[in-house]
Every structure is written in C-alpha cells, then in structure tokens.
Protein backbone atom coordinates (compact mmCIF):
# COMPACT_ATOMS: atom_id res chain seq x y z
CA MET A 1 0.00 0.00 0.00
CA ALA A 2 1.22 3.49 -0.87
CA LEU A 3 -0.30 6.63 0.64
CA MET A 4 0.23 10.20 -0.53
CA ALA A 5 -1.21 13.44 0.85
CA HIS A 6 -0.80 17.14 0.15
CA ALA A 7 -1.64 20.17 2.29
CA ASP A 8 -4.23 21.29 -0.31
CA GLY A 9 -6.37 18.26 0.59
CA SER A 10 -5.27 16.03 -2.28
CA TRP A 11 -4.67 12.38 -1.44
CA ALA A 12 -4.00 9.06 -3.12
CA ARG A 13 -3.96 5.45 -1.95
CA ALA A 14 -2.70 2.59 -4.08
CA THR A 15 -2.82 -1.07 -3.14
CA ALA A 16 -1.48 -4.10 -4.98
CA HIS A 17 -0.31 -7.64 -4.34
CA ALA A 18 2.84 -9.14 -5.86
CA ASP A 19 3.18 -7.93 -9.46
CA GLU A 20 -0.45 -6.86 -9.96
CA ALA A 21 -1.24 -3.39 -11.27
CA PRO A 22 -2.21 -1.20 -8.31
CA GLN A 23 -5.80 -0.27 -7.55
CA VAL A 24 -5.71 3.52 -7.06
CA HIS A 25 -8.13 5.79 -5.22
CA GLN A 26 -7.49 9.53 -5.15
CA GLY A 27 -9.29 12.77 -4.43
CA GLY A 28 -8.86 16.49 -3.92
CA PRO A 29 -7.81 19.21 -6.36
CA ARG A 30 -4.72 17.32 -7.62
CA ARG A 31 -4.45 13.74 -8.79
CA LEU A 32 -1.26 12.83 -6.90
CA TRP A 33 -0.95 9.30 -8.31
CA ASP A 34 -1.24 10.64 -11.85
CA LEU A 35 1.49 13.21 -11.14
CA LEU A 36 3.74 10.50 -9.70
CA ASP A 37 3.08 8.28 -12.72
CA GLU A 38 4.10 11.13 -15.09
CA VAL A 39 7.43 11.50 -13.24
CA ARG A 40 7.95 7.71 -13.27
CA SER A 41 7.25 7.58 -16.99
CA HIS A 42 9.79 10.36 -17.64
CA TRP A 43 12.34 8.49 -15.53
CA LEU A 44 11.83 5.22 -17.43
CA THR A 45 11.88 6.93 -20.84
CA ASN A 46 14.86 9.25 -20.22
CA GLY A 47 16.86 7.37 -17.58
CA GLU A 48 16.74 10.23 -15.10
CA LEU A 49 14.28 12.33 -13.15
CA PRO A 50 13.22 15.64 -14.73
CA VAL A 51 14.36 17.63 -11.70
CA ARG A 52 18.03 16.69 -12.28
CA GLY A 53 19.74 19.84 -13.52
CA ALA A 54 16.60 21.96 -13.16
CA LYS A 55 16.81 25.70 -12.53
CA VAL A 56 14.92 27.35 -9.68
CA PHE A 57 12.84 30.48 -10.26
CA VAL A 58 11.31 32.53 -7.45
CA LYS A 59 8.69 35.05 -8.53
CA PRO A 60 8.10 38.37 -6.70
CA ASP A 61 4.98 36.88 -5.04
CA GLY A 62 7.16 34.13 -3.52
CA SER A 63 5.96 31.29 -5.74
CA THR A 64 8.78 28.92 -6.63
CA TYR A 65 9.24 26.92 -9.84
CA LEU A 66 11.66 24.26 -11.03
CA ALA A 67 12.26 24.14 -14.79
CA ARG A 68 14.32 22.04 -17.17
CA GLY A 69 13.70 22.08 -20.90
CA LYS A 70 9.93 21.80 -21.44
CA TRP A 71 9.36 20.46 -17.90
CA LEU A 72 8.05 22.87 -15.25
CA ALA A 73 6.83 22.29 -11.70
CA LYS A 74 5.42 24.75 -9.19
CA LEU A 75 6.45 23.99 -5.63
C-alpha cells in the first residue's frame, strides 16, 4: 500500500499484491498518483528524473518553480 497526501487536501492510496497493477483511489484538487506516474514515466523513458539539472525560479509573489527544458513544476 502506498499513501500520498498534500496540504491542499489532495490524497492518493494505491494497493497491490505481488506484481499486480495497483488499484488507485485519489481525491482532492490534484491527482497525486497521476502526477507520480508522469514522473515515473519520464524516468523510465529518459533514464533520469526531470528535476536533475533543473533551474529554480522565485517570482516576486514568492511562488517557486523548477524548470528544465519543457518540464516545469510549481512547488
């Protein structure tokens, strides 16, 4: 079982046995499992995580972003 939660109220729970595909339940404003699966897919396709070598940008309002190539994530 894997559990994920975010301060914005988003959550995900995935359960699986042995090599079965996980059964995923998630809710809230973000789909955390889907976001994790996108990162995992990038890792398997490119052999590294997208954050490796990313640049950090802090906007005047304090919002922070990581960016590398076409990849962008707001923290």
